[in-house]
Amino acid sequence: MNFFGIGIPELLLILVIALIVFGPERLPEIGRSIGKAVRDFRQMSAGFTSEWQELSKELEEAASEVQQGVREVESEIGELEGDIEKAAKIEWYPGQDKPWPGQAATRGRS
């Protein structure tokens, strides 16, 4: 048995010293207080652990949603780049003799 890194011989020594210092009348009361404190500590740590796991799960879900959003934006950017490339290949406005904005007049070239 190993309790907080204390073996059985050390635990017995602590109990004997406590018996001498506090006396047999107060020792059960002190034992109950220590037991209650340890129980409360375990409950708090279990609660903290479950909250931490829940928060971690929520953060992972949020990160996944952000990654999905980034992939969607990248896909849309790729589509827009394709549309821009298609538009850059068009040399003239429909029915007009003007080139598209930003394009040199390439009349007669294919």
C-alpha atoms as a PDB file:
ATOM      1  CA  MET A   1       0.000   0.000   0.000  1.00  0.00           C
ATOM      2  CA  ASN A   2       1.362   3.356  -1.029  1.00  0.00           C
ATOM      3  CA  PHE A   3      -0.591   6.448   0.034  1.00  0.00           C
ATOM      4  CA  PHE A   4       0.859   9.788  -1.177  1.00  0.00           C
ATOM      5  CA  GLY A   5       4.262   8.130  -1.495  1.00  0.00           C
ATOM      6  CA  ILE A   6       4.114   6.925   2.132  1.00  0.00           C
ATOM      7  CA  GLY A   7       4.512   3.236   2.882  1.00  0.00           C
ATOM      8  CA  ILE A   8       2.978   1.282   5.759  1.00  0.00           C
ATOM      9  CA  PRO A   9       5.918   1.765   8.196  1.00  0.00           C
ATOM     10  CA  GLU A  10       5.903   5.536   7.674  1.00  0.00           C
ATOM     11  CA  LEU A  11       2.119   5.656   8.034  1.00  0.00           C
ATOM     12  CA  LEU A  12       2.280   3.751  11.342  1.00  0.00           C
ATOM     13  CA  LEU A  13       4.953   6.128  12.622  1.00  0.00           C
ATOM     14  CA  ILE A  14       2.770   9.116  11.729  1.00  0.00           C
ATOM     15  CA  LEU A  15      -0.226   7.533  13.504  1.00  0.00           C
ATOM     16  CA  VAL A  16       1.827   6.876  16.664  1.00  0.00           C
ATOM     17  CA  ILE A  17       3.093  10.473  16.687  1.00  0.00           C
ATOM     18  CA  ALA A  18      -0.475  11.749  16.132  1.00  0.00           C
ATOM     19  CA  LEU A  19      -1.690   9.566  19.010  1.00  0.00           C
ATOM     20  CA  ILE A  20       0.983  11.023  21.290  1.00  0.00           C
ATOM     21  CA  VAL A  21       0.388  14.639  20.202  1.00  0.00           C
ATOM     22  CA  PHE A  22      -3.432  14.679  20.049  1.00  0.00           C
ATOM     23  CA  GLY A  23      -4.328  11.909  22.474  1.00  0.00           C
ATOM     24  CA  PRO A  24      -6.761   9.036  22.026  1.00  0.00           C
ATOM     25  CA  GLU A  25      -9.848  11.233  22.530  1.00  0.00           C
ATOM     26  CA  ARG A  26      -9.267  13.537  19.552  1.00  0.00           C
ATOM     27  CA  LEU A  27      -7.640  10.997  17.195  1.00  0.00           C
ATOM     28  CA  PRO A  28     -10.948   9.615  15.740  1.00  0.00           C
ATOM     29  CA  GLU A  29     -12.192  13.148  15.138  1.00  0.00           C
ATOM     30  CA  ILE A  30      -8.968  14.078  13.361  1.00  0.00           C
ATOM     31  CA  GLY A  31      -9.123  10.848  11.319  1.00  0.00           C
ATOM     32  CA  ARG A  32     -12.652  11.667  10.184  1.00  0.00           C
ATOM     33  CA  SER A  33     -11.598  15.207   9.260  1.00  0.00           C
ATOM     34  CA  ILE A  34      -8.642  13.925   7.243  1.00  0.00           C
ATOM     35  CA  GLY A  35     -10.827  11.296   5.560  1.00  0.00           C
ATOM     36  CA  LYS A  36     -13.426  13.908   4.654  1.00  0.00           C
ATOM     37  CA  ALA A  37     -10.730  16.227   3.287  1.00  0.00           C
ATOM     38  CA  VAL A  38      -9.274  13.416   1.143  1.00  0.00           C
ATOM     39  CA  ARG A  39     -12.757  12.473  -0.134  1.00  0.00           C
ATOM     40  CA  ASP A  40     -13.554  16.101  -0.987  1.00  0.00           C
ATOM     41  CA  PHE A  41     -10.208  16.462  -2.735  1.00  0.00           C
ATOM     42  CA  ARG A  42     -10.878  13.350  -4.843  1.00  0.00           C
ATOM     43  CA  GLN A  43     -14.363  14.601  -5.771  1.00  0.00           C
ATOM     44  CA  MET A  44     -13.008  17.995  -6.763  1.00  0.00           C
ATOM     45  CA  SER A  45     -10.210  16.472  -8.811  1.00  0.00           C
ATOM     46  CA  ALA A  46     -12.680  14.106 -10.533  1.00  0.00           C
ATOM     47  CA  GLY A  47     -14.935  17.078 -11.322  1.00  0.00           C
ATOM     48  CA  PHE A  48     -11.998  19.077 -12.614  1.00  0.00           C
ATOM     49  CA  THR A  49     -10.884  16.141 -14.758  1.00  0.00           C
ATOM     50  CA  SER A  50     -14.335  15.694 -16.310  1.00  0.00           C
ATOM     51  CA  GLU A  51     -14.649  19.435 -16.975  1.00  0.00           C
ATOM     52  CA  TRP A  52     -11.182  19.471 -18.521  1.00  0.00           C
ATOM     53  CA  GLN A  53     -12.059  16.524 -20.791  1.00  0.00           C
ATOM     54  CA  GLU A  54     -15.321  18.201 -21.826  1.00  0.00           C
ATOM     55  CA  LEU A  55     -13.525  21.460 -22.601  1.00  0.00           C
ATOM     56  CA  SER A  56     -10.867  19.585 -24.546  1.00  0.00           C
ATOM     57  CA  LYS A  57     -13.562  17.836 -26.594  1.00  0.00           C
ATOM     58  CA  GLU A  58     -15.280  21.159 -27.329  1.00  0.00           C
ATOM     59  CA  LEU A  59     -11.980  22.690 -28.433  1.00  0.00           C
ATOM     60  CA  GLU A  60     -11.278  19.733 -30.723  1.00  0.00           C
ATOM     61  CA  GLU A  61     -14.744  20.090 -32.270  1.00  0.00           C
ATOM     62  CA  ALA A  62     -14.211  23.827 -32.777  1.00  0.00           C
ATOM     63  CA  ALA A  63     -10.803  23.188 -34.372  1.00  0.00           C
ATOM     64  CA  SER A  64     -12.391  20.624 -36.683  1.00  0.00           C
ATOM     65  CA  GLU A  65     -15.071  23.125 -37.712  1.00  0.00           C
ATOM     66  CA  VAL A  66     -12.415  25.773 -38.386  1.00  0.00           C
ATOM     67  CA  GLN A  67     -10.403  23.311 -40.487  1.00  0.00           C
ATOM     68  CA  GLN A  68     -13.530  22.423 -42.474  1.00  0.00           C
ATOM     69  CA  GLY A  69     -14.223  26.128 -43.032  1.00  0.00           C
ATOM     70  CA  VAL A  70     -10.651  26.661 -44.226  1.00  0.00           C
ATOM     71  CA  ARG A  71     -10.994  23.759 -46.682  1.00  0.00           C
ATOM     72  CA  GLU A  72     -14.250  25.246 -48.006  1.00  0.00           C
ATOM     73  CA  VAL A  73     -12.659  28.678 -48.438  1.00  0.00           C
ATOM     74  CA  GLU A  74      -9.645  27.123 -50.195  1.00  0.00           C
ATOM     75  CA  SER A  75     -12.032  25.291 -52.529  1.00  0.00           C
ATOM     76  CA  GLU A  76     -13.906  28.498 -53.306  1.00  0.00           C
ATOM     77  CA  ILE A  77     -10.616  30.320 -53.930  1.00  0.00           C
ATOM     78  CA  GLY A  78      -9.617  27.577 -56.361  1.00  0.00           C
ATOM     79  CA  GLU A  79     -12.937  27.940 -58.181  1.00  0.00           C
ATOM     80  CA  LEU A  80     -12.508  31.714 -58.332  1.00  0.00           C
ATOM     81  CA  GLU A  81      -8.974  31.318 -59.687  1.00  0.00           C
ATOM     82  CA  GLY A  82     -10.383  29.055 -62.412  1.00  0.00           C
ATOM     83  CA  ASP A  83     -13.075  31.617 -63.229  1.00  0.00           C
ATOM     84  CA  ILE A  84     -10.455  34.389 -63.376  1.00  0.00           C
ATOM     85  CA  GLU A  85      -8.279  32.319 -65.713  1.00  0.00           C
ATOM     86  CA  LYS A  86     -11.274  31.690 -67.972  1.00  0.00           C
ATOM     87  CA  ALA A  87     -12.157  35.378 -67.932  1.00  0.00           C
ATOM     88  CA  ALA A  88      -8.564  36.345 -68.755  1.00  0.00           C
ATOM     89  CA  LYS A  89      -8.728  34.269 -71.942  1.00  0.00           C
ATOM     90  CA  ILE A  90     -11.674  36.308 -73.256  1.00  0.00           C
ATOM     91  CA  GLU A  91     -10.243  39.117 -75.321  1.00  0.00           C
ATOM     92  CA  TRP A  92     -13.235  41.341 -76.096  1.00  0.00           C
ATOM     93  CA  TYR A  93     -16.418  42.524 -74.511  1.00  0.00           C
ATOM     94  CA  PRO A  94     -19.379  40.828 -76.138  1.00  0.00           C
ATOM     95  CA  GLY A  95     -20.514  42.965 -79.081  1.00  0.00           C
ATOM     96  CA  GLN A  96     -17.900  45.685 -78.521  1.00  0.00           C
ATOM     97  CA  ASP A  97     -14.477  46.490 -79.848  1.00  0.00           C
ATOM     98  CA  LYS A  98     -12.934  47.151 -76.416  1.00  0.00           C
ATOM     99  CA  PRO A  99     -10.653  44.667 -74.657  1.00  0.00           C
ATOM    100  CA  TRP A 100     -11.452  43.435 -71.172  1.00  0.00           C
ATOM    101  CA  PRO A 101     -10.104  45.675 -68.407  1.00  0.00           C
ATOM    102  CA  GLY A 102      -6.453  44.939 -67.721  1.00  0.00           C
ATOM    103  CA  GLN A 103      -5.981  43.079 -70.988  1.00  0.00           C
ATOM    104  CA  ALA A 104      -4.006  44.350 -73.921  1.00  0.00           C
ATOM    105  CA  ALA A 105      -5.849  44.474 -77.180  1.00  0.00           C
ATOM    106  CA  THR A 106      -4.974  41.243 -78.940  1.00  0.00           C
ATOM    107  CA  ARG A 107      -7.227  41.523 -81.916  1.00  0.00           C
ATOM    108  CA  GLY A 108      -6.371  39.030 -84.516  1.00  0.00           C
ATOM    109  CA  ARG A 109      -4.463  36.706 -82.148  1.00  0.00           C
ATOM    110  CA  SER A 110      -5.838  33.428 -80.902  1.00  0.00           C
END
